[in-house]
Amino acid sequence: MHHLKWQYQPDRRSRNERITIANQQLVVGQLLDESPSRKSCLEEALAAGYKYSR
């Protein structure tokens, strides 16, 4: 949701959103490092997250 706001509402970007996005990217990266098999589900998870965030 934060990423969509960042992308489509550039005039409303905040430092807090940027930090949240960066932290979430780190968490996802760590999860994928710990369990590489999750990469096969990544596309489906991103699609579901996008649908939910919209």
C-alpha atoms as a PDB file:
ATOM      1  CA  MET A   1       0.000   0.000   0.000  1.00  0.00           C
ATOM      2  CA  HIS A   2       2.799   2.419   0.853  1.00  0.00           C
ATOM      3  CA  HIS A   3       4.523   1.669  -2.425  1.00  0.00           C
ATOM      4  CA  LEU A   4       1.357   2.385  -4.417  1.00  0.00           C
ATOM      5  CA  LYS A   5       0.845   5.665  -2.583  1.00  0.00           C
ATOM      6  CA  TRP A   6       4.486   6.545  -3.215  1.00  0.00           C
ATOM      7  CA  GLN A   7       4.123   5.762  -6.912  1.00  0.00           C
ATOM      8  CA  TYR A   8       0.769   7.417  -7.591  1.00  0.00           C
ATOM      9  CA  GLN A   9       0.765  10.323  -5.124  1.00  0.00           C
ATOM     10  CA  PRO A  10       4.207  11.890  -5.492  1.00  0.00           C
ATOM     11  CA  ASP A  11       3.030  15.203  -4.062  1.00  0.00           C
ATOM     12  CA  ARG A  12       2.105  13.464  -0.786  1.00  0.00           C
ATOM     13  CA  ARG A  13       5.335  11.522  -0.216  1.00  0.00           C
ATOM     14  CA  SER A  14       6.713  11.512   3.288  1.00  0.00           C
ATOM     15  CA  ARG A  15       9.954  10.492   4.917  1.00  0.00           C
ATOM     16  CA  ASN A  16       8.029   7.992   7.040  1.00  0.00           C
ATOM     17  CA  GLU A  17       6.628   6.225   3.967  1.00  0.00           C
ATOM     18  CA  ARG A  18      10.094   6.032   2.421  1.00  0.00           C
ATOM     19  CA  ILE A  19      11.460   4.455   5.599  1.00  0.00           C
ATOM     20  CA  THR A  20       8.555   2.002   5.789  1.00  0.00           C
ATOM     21  CA  ILE A  21       9.060   0.923   2.180  1.00  0.00           C
ATOM     22  CA  ALA A  22      12.797   0.422   2.720  1.00  0.00           C
ATOM     23  CA  ASN A  23      12.204  -1.606   5.895  1.00  0.00           C
ATOM     24  CA  GLN A  24       9.614  -3.796   4.215  1.00  0.00           C
ATOM     25  CA  GLN A  25      11.968  -4.437   1.303  1.00  0.00           C
ATOM     26  CA  LEU A  26      14.646  -5.549   3.776  1.00  0.00           C
ATOM     27  CA  VAL A  27      12.225  -7.913   5.519  1.00  0.00           C
ATOM     28  CA  VAL A  28      11.122  -9.469   2.223  1.00  0.00           C
ATOM     29  CA  GLY A  29      14.747  -9.882   1.185  1.00  0.00           C
ATOM     30  CA  GLN A  30      15.591 -11.594   4.466  1.00  0.00           C
ATOM     31  CA  LEU A  31      12.601 -13.928   4.175  1.00  0.00           C
ATOM     32  CA  LEU A  32      13.640 -14.903   0.658  1.00  0.00           C
ATOM     33  CA  ASP A  33      17.233 -15.486   1.805  1.00  0.00           C
ATOM     34  CA  GLU A  34      16.018 -17.713   4.635  1.00  0.00           C
ATOM     35  CA  SER A  35      13.616 -19.664   2.442  1.00  0.00           C
ATOM     36  CA  PRO A  36      14.463 -19.449  -1.267  1.00  0.00           C
ATOM     37  CA  SER A  37      11.515 -21.685  -2.127  1.00  0.00           C
ATOM     38  CA  ARG A  38       9.245 -18.701  -1.426  1.00  0.00           C
ATOM     39  CA  LYS A  39      10.524 -17.065  -4.599  1.00  0.00           C
ATOM     40  CA  SER A  40       8.223 -19.310  -6.589  1.00  0.00           C
ATOM     41  CA  CYS A  41       5.228 -17.756  -4.780  1.00  0.00           C
ATOM     42  CA  LEU A  42       6.462 -14.184  -5.047  1.00  0.00           C
ATOM     43  CA  GLU A  43       4.567 -13.204  -8.197  1.00  0.00           C
ATOM     44  CA  GLU A  44       1.298 -14.516  -6.790  1.00  0.00           C
ATOM     45  CA  ALA A  45       1.882 -12.767  -3.454  1.00  0.00           C
ATOM     46  CA  LEU A  46       2.644  -9.459  -5.175  1.00  0.00           C
ATOM     47  CA  ALA A  47      -0.529  -9.726  -7.243  1.00  0.00           C
ATOM     48  CA  ALA A  48      -2.613 -10.436  -4.136  1.00  0.00           C
ATOM     49  CA  GLY A  49      -0.959  -7.575  -2.258  1.00  0.00           C
ATOM     50  CA  TYR A  50      -1.618  -5.198  -5.133  1.00  0.00           C
ATOM     51  CA  LYS A  51      -5.278  -6.211  -5.293  1.00  0.00           C
ATOM     52  CA  TYR A  52      -5.649  -5.769  -1.522  1.00  0.00           C
ATOM     53  CA  SER A  53      -3.880  -2.400  -1.516  1.00  0.00           C
ATOM     54  CA  ARG A  54      -5.978  -0.963  -4.301  1.00  0.00           C
END
